[in-house]
């Protein structure tokens, strides 16, 4: 049976493994440069969410509809992930990775997320998310014109970035316009609306690092208690003493001047943070 999840791998399979999950509507190619960089030290498997791909042949060969039920999606990802891997998820991919890490911890060594809110939508006891009316308006936009909805999403992702125009052009080049799967877009949005991993986050008993952009307009950098932007630079270890400082179960850090995709905007800083966090917490 054809896999529901499209992946590609980088690095030596004998190294510590990383499984990387992209975000809503954005193909894995957005994270490829970052995955290649981490692949110099780790074995990295990079995954799309279901129904998202830039490969027209892959889409045409795939006869399985995208399934965004959280438990079914978790199993699909586990099926293609290396065993005993660090999971790195961006945005919706980070929320799903948090769910898997908490509920299937035997499959996950540690968790790292980018721009991932425990709940993307505001709730009665959660004011940090997007207002439901704003979210529903965006869903309606995507339903009426998926391509235009994606372009609007790119603008929101890049808003506030230091090099906003250049980042917009970079992200637009990755939009899956030619392989657009409306069911995957709507399924992902429904999951974003329903998914709430606050309990899972509180139950994590493995190392977890959460990175946010200070200028992100989609996910508030204040959804978790975290260090200041200045402290991020101080947390980049250059010696054993600093390594011990980050050897704690959870780290929540804000990267100044970044918007929704710090791994693109500050690739080297993110690589160093992740390498040092993994080194400090690998068994």
Protein backbone atom coordinates (compact mmCIF):
# COMPACT_ATOMS: atom_id res chain seq x y z
CA UNK A 1 0.00 0.00 0.00
CA UNK A 2 1.27 3.45 -0.88
CA UNK A 3 2.38 5.55 2.08
CA UNK A 4 0.17 8.51 2.96
CA UNK A 5 3.22 10.55 3.98
CA UNK A 6 5.93 11.74 1.57
CA UNK A 7 9.43 11.83 3.07
CA UNK A 8 13.06 12.32 2.16
CA UNK A 9 16.18 11.58 4.17
CA UNK A 10 19.53 13.27 4.74
CA UNK A 11 22.71 12.19 6.47
CA UNK A 12 24.16 8.95 7.77
CA UNK A 13 21.55 6.47 9.04
CA UNK A 14 23.96 5.34 11.77
CA UNK A 15 23.78 8.76 13.47
CA UNK A 16 21.19 9.90 16.00
CA UNK A 17 17.87 10.26 14.18
CA UNK A 18 15.66 13.31 13.73
CA UNK A 19 12.14 13.18 12.30
CA UNK A 20 11.01 16.56 11.00
CA UNK A 21 7.35 17.46 10.25
CA UNK A 22 6.40 20.50 8.18
CA UNK A 23 3.46 22.83 8.83
CA UNK A 24 -0.01 23.40 7.41
CA UNK A 25 -0.05 23.70 3.60
CA UNK A 26 3.73 24.12 3.40
CA UNK A 27 5.73 21.35 1.69
CA UNK A 28 8.81 19.84 3.25
CA UNK A 29 11.01 21.75 0.81
CA UNK A 30 10.58 24.82 3.02
CA UNK A 31 12.61 22.98 5.66
CA UNK A 32 15.04 21.23 3.30
CA UNK A 33 17.99 23.60 3.74
CA UNK A 34 17.59 23.33 7.50
CA UNK A 35 17.32 19.52 7.29
CA UNK A 36 20.44 19.36 5.12
CA UNK A 37 22.33 21.43 7.66
CA UNK A 38 21.28 19.15 10.53
CA UNK A 39 22.02 16.15 8.31
CA UNK A 40 25.71 16.95 8.62
CA UNK A 41 25.56 15.52 12.15
CA UNK A 42 22.29 13.59 12.35
CA UNK A 43 20.16 11.26 10.26
CA UNK A 44 17.21 13.44 9.29
CA UNK A 45 13.92 12.24 7.82
CA UNK A 46 11.81 15.16 6.59
CA UNK A 47 8.05 14.64 6.19
CA UNK A 48 5.10 16.37 4.57
CA UNK A 49 1.69 16.40 6.14
CA UNK A 50 -0.84 14.27 4.19
CA UNK A 51 -1.81 15.54 0.75
CA UNK A 52 0.87 18.25 0.69
CA UNK A 53 3.58 17.85 -1.97
CA UNK A 54 5.42 19.67 -4.74
CA UNK A 55 5.85 16.39 -6.61
CA UNK A 56 3.09 16.12 -9.24
CA UNK A 57 3.94 12.47 -9.91
CA UNK A 58 3.74 11.64 -6.21
CA UNK A 59 0.33 13.31 -5.97
CA UNK A 60 -0.95 11.56 -9.10
CA UNK A 61 0.24 8.16 -7.85
CA UNK A 62 -1.27 8.64 -4.41
CA UNK A 63 -4.82 7.31 -4.43
CA UNK A 64 -5.30 7.66 -0.68
CA UNK A 65 -7.18 10.71 0.53
CA UNK A 66 -5.53 12.85 3.23
CA UNK A 67 -6.62 11.83 6.73
CA UNK A 68 -6.35 14.54 9.40
CA UNK A 69 -7.91 12.69 12.31
CA UNK A 70 -5.26 13.28 14.97
CA UNK A 71 -4.88 9.62 15.97
CA UNK A 72 -4.82 8.36 12.38
CA UNK A 73 -2.36 11.12 11.46
CA UNK A 74 -0.14 10.21 14.40
CA UNK A 75 0.02 6.60 13.24
CA UNK A 76 0.79 7.65 9.66
CA UNK A 77 3.74 9.71 10.86
CA UNK A 78 4.99 7.03 13.26
CA UNK A 79 4.94 4.54 10.37
CA UNK A 80 7.49 6.58 8.39
CA UNK A 81 9.56 7.97 11.28
CA UNK A 82 12.87 6.43 12.36
CA UNK A 83 12.66 4.53 15.61
CA UNK A 84 14.04 6.31 18.67
CA UNK A 85 14.15 9.70 16.94
CA UNK A 86 14.00 13.30 18.02
CA UNK A 87 10.82 14.82 16.59
CA UNK A 88 11.00 18.38 15.24
CA UNK A 89 7.72 19.98 14.17
CA UNK A 90 6.89 23.36 12.69
CA UNK A 91 3.56 25.07 13.50
CA UNK A 92 0.80 22.43 13.00
CA UNK A 93 3.58 19.85 12.61
CA UNK A 94 4.84 20.90 16.04
CA UNK A 95 1.40 20.50 17.62
CA UNK A 96 1.04 17.02 16.13
CA UNK A 97 4.58 16.12 17.22
CA UNK A 98 3.71 17.22 20.77
CA UNK A 99 0.66 14.96 20.71
CA UNK A 100 2.75 12.00 19.56
CA UNK A 101 5.54 12.69 22.06
CA UNK A 102 3.11 12.71 24.98
CA UNK A 103 0.95 9.77 23.94
CA UNK A 104 3.52 7.55 22.22
CA UNK A 105 6.64 8.47 24.15
CA UNK A 106 8.28 5.11 23.41
CA UNK A 107 8.58 6.32 19.80
CA UNK A 108 10.16 9.68 20.64
CA UNK A 109 13.52 10.48 22.26
CA UNK A 110 12.85 14.21 22.55
CA UNK A 111 10.70 16.97 21.10
CA UNK A 112 11.56 20.29 19.44
CA UNK A 113 8.95 22.66 18.01
CA UNK A 114 8.99 25.85 15.97
CA UNK A 115 6.17 28.38 16.24
CA UNK A 116 3.76 25.83 17.69
CA UNK A 117 1.01 26.99 20.04
CA UNK A 118 -0.58 24.43 22.37
CA UNK A 119 -3.91 25.71 21.01
CA UNK A 120 -3.97 27.75 17.80
CA UNK A 121 -7.52 28.94 18.52
CA UNK A 122 -8.70 31.01 21.47
CA UNK A 123 -10.76 29.06 24.01
CA UNK A 124 -12.68 30.00 27.13
CA UNK A 125 -9.58 29.40 29.25
CA UNK A 126 -7.01 30.23 26.56
CA UNK A 127 -6.71 33.82 25.32
CA UNK A 128 -3.37 33.46 23.51
CA UNK A 129 -4.74 31.91 20.32
CA UNK A 130 -6.33 33.36 17.20
CA UNK A 131 -9.90 34.65 17.57
CA UNK A 132 -12.37 32.08 16.21
CA UNK A 133 -14.05 34.67 13.99
CA UNK A 134 -10.70 35.53 12.35
CA UNK A 135 -9.88 31.87 11.88
CA UNK A 136 -13.27 31.09 10.33
CA UNK A 137 -12.85 34.02 7.95
CA UNK A 138 -9.53 32.57 6.80
CA UNK A 139 -11.08 29.09 6.40
CA UNK A 140 -13.82 30.63 4.24
CA UNK A 141 -11.14 32.36 2.13
CA UNK A 142 -9.32 29.05 1.58
CA UNK A 143 -12.57 27.24 0.75
CA UNK A 144 -13.52 29.86 -1.84
CA UNK A 145 -10.06 30.29 -3.36
CA UNK A 146 -7.39 27.89 -2.08
CA UNK A 147 -4.56 29.46 -4.11
CA UNK A 148 -5.39 32.97 -2.91
CA UNK A 149 -5.74 31.65 0.63
CA UNK A 150 -2.23 30.22 0.47
CA UNK A 151 -0.84 33.51 -0.77
CA UNK A 152 -2.54 35.28 2.13
CA UNK A 153 -1.04 32.73 4.50
CA UNK A 154 2.45 33.46 3.17
CA UNK A 155 1.96 37.17 3.86
CA UNK A 156 0.93 36.38 7.44
CA UNK A 157 3.87 34.03 7.97
CA UNK A 158 6.38 36.63 6.85
CA UNK A 159 4.81 39.66 8.51
CA UNK A 160 7.20 41.30 10.96
CA UNK A 161 10.31 39.51 9.67
CA UNK A 162 13.51 41.52 9.36
CA UNK A 163 13.65 40.86 5.60
CA UNK A 164 9.91 40.55 5.01
CA UNK A 165 9.85 41.03 1.23
CA UNK A 166 12.67 38.57 0.58
CA UNK A 167 11.04 36.03 2.88
CA UNK A 168 7.70 36.37 1.09
CA UNK A 169 9.37 35.64 -2.25
CA UNK A 170 11.18 32.68 -0.73
CA UNK A 171 7.99 31.20 0.74
CA UNK A 172 5.94 31.84 -2.39
CA UNK A 173 8.39 29.72 -4.37
CA UNK A 174 7.43 26.76 -2.18
CA UNK A 175 3.64 27.08 -2.46
CA UNK A 176 2.10 23.85 -3.82
CA UNK A 177 -0.08 25.70 -6.34
CA UNK A 178 0.35 23.12 -9.13
CA UNK A 179 -0.30 20.22 -6.75
CA UNK A 180 -2.91 21.91 -4.59
CA UNK A 181 -5.08 19.45 -2.66
CA UNK A 182 -8.13 21.24 -1.31
CA UNK A 183 -9.09 18.32 0.96
CA UNK A 184 -5.67 18.44 2.60
CA UNK A 185 -5.89 22.19 3.18
CA UNK A 186 -9.36 22.01 4.72
CA UNK A 187 -8.51 18.89 6.74
CA UNK A 188 -5.46 20.62 8.17
CA UNK A 189 -7.47 23.71 9.09
CA UNK A 190 -10.09 21.61 10.85
CA UNK A 191 -7.34 19.95 12.84
CA UNK A 192 -5.83 23.35 13.70
CA UNK A 193 -9.24 24.41 15.00
CA UNK A 194 -9.85 21.33 17.14
CA UNK A 195 -6.37 20.40 18.36
CA UNK A 196 -5.49 21.40 21.92
CA UNK A 197 -2.27 19.86 23.25
CA UNK A 198 -1.98 21.81 26.51
CA UNK A 199 -2.52 18.66 28.54
CA UNK A 200 -0.04 16.70 26.41
CA UNK A 201 2.53 19.46 26.85
CA UNK A 202 2.13 19.34 30.63
CA UNK A 203 2.53 15.54 30.65
CA UNK A 204 5.76 15.39 28.63
CA UNK A 205 8.45 13.45 30.47
CA UNK A 206 11.13 13.79 27.82
CA UNK A 207 13.39 16.69 26.82
CA UNK A 208 11.46 19.34 24.88
CA UNK A 209 12.59 22.61 23.33
CA UNK A 210 10.13 25.19 21.94
CA UNK A 211 11.35 28.00 19.69
CA UNK A 212 9.27 31.06 18.81
CA UNK A 213 9.74 34.18 16.68
CA UNK A 214 9.42 37.44 18.56
CA UNK A 215 7.62 39.04 15.58
CA UNK A 216 5.29 36.13 14.78
CA UNK A 217 1.72 37.34 14.13
CA UNK A 218 0.27 33.83 13.83
CA UNK A 219 1.53 32.34 17.11
CA UNK A 220 2.16 34.55 20.11
CA UNK A 221 5.70 34.20 21.44
CA UNK A 222 4.14 34.42 24.91
CA UNK A 223 2.11 31.20 24.78
CA UNK A 224 4.71 29.55 27.04
CA UNK A 225 6.91 31.03 29.77
CA UNK A 226 10.24 31.59 28.13
CA UNK A 227 13.57 33.34 27.98
CA UNK A 228 14.06 36.81 26.55
CA UNK A 229 15.61 37.29 23.10
CA UNK A 230 18.90 38.33 24.71
CA UNK A 231 18.96 35.12 26.71
CA UNK A 232 18.71 33.08 23.52
CA UNK A 233 22.20 34.11 22.51
CA UNK A 234 23.47 33.36 26.01
CA UNK A 235 21.98 29.89 25.75
CA UNK A 236 24.09 28.99 22.71
CA UNK A 237 26.70 26.82 24.43
CA UNK A 238 30.36 27.24 23.66
CA UNK A 239 31.65 25.15 26.54
CA UNK A 240 30.69 22.37 28.91
CA UNK A 241 29.47 24.75 31.62
CA UNK A 242 26.92 26.32 29.30
CA UNK A 243 25.90 22.87 28.10
CA UNK A 244 24.94 22.00 31.66
CA UNK A 245 22.81 25.13 31.86
CA UNK A 246 20.45 23.90 29.12
CA UNK A 247 20.35 20.30 30.32
CA UNK A 248 16.83 20.67 31.68
CA UNK A 249 13.66 18.91 30.60
CA UNK A 250 12.03 21.90 28.90
CA UNK A 251 13.35 25.06 27.25
CA UNK A 252 11.11 27.77 25.75
CA UNK A 253 13.00 30.41 23.78
CA UNK A 254 12.17 33.48 21.67
CA UNK A 255 14.35 34.47 18.72
CA UNK A 256 14.34 38.23 18.21
CA UNK A 257 13.53 39.66 14.77
CA UNK A 258 12.03 36.36 13.61
CA UNK A 259 8.49 35.78 12.39
CA UNK A 260 6.81 32.38 11.91
CA UNK A 261 9.75 30.40 10.49
CA UNK A 262 12.91 30.94 12.57
CA UNK A 263 14.64 27.97 10.91
CA UNK A 264 14.64 29.99 7.66
CA UNK A 265 15.29 33.40 9.15
CA UNK A 266 18.03 32.40 11.61
CA UNK A 267 19.11 29.01 10.31
CA UNK A 268 22.54 28.91 11.91
CA UNK A 269 21.32 30.00 15.34
CA UNK A 270 18.54 27.38 15.23
CA UNK A 271 20.97 24.65 14.15
CA UNK A 272 23.27 25.47 17.05
CA UNK A 273 20.41 25.57 19.56
CA UNK A 274 19.14 22.18 18.41
CA UNK A 275 22.56 20.54 18.24
CA UNK A 276 23.38 21.70 21.76
CA UNK A 277 20.00 20.74 23.18
CA UNK A 278 20.21 17.26 21.65
CA UNK A 279 23.83 16.83 22.78
CA UNK A 280 22.90 17.85 26.33
CA UNK A 281 19.90 15.49 26.49
CA UNK A 282 20.75 12.44 24.43
CA UNK A 283 20.85 9.27 26.53
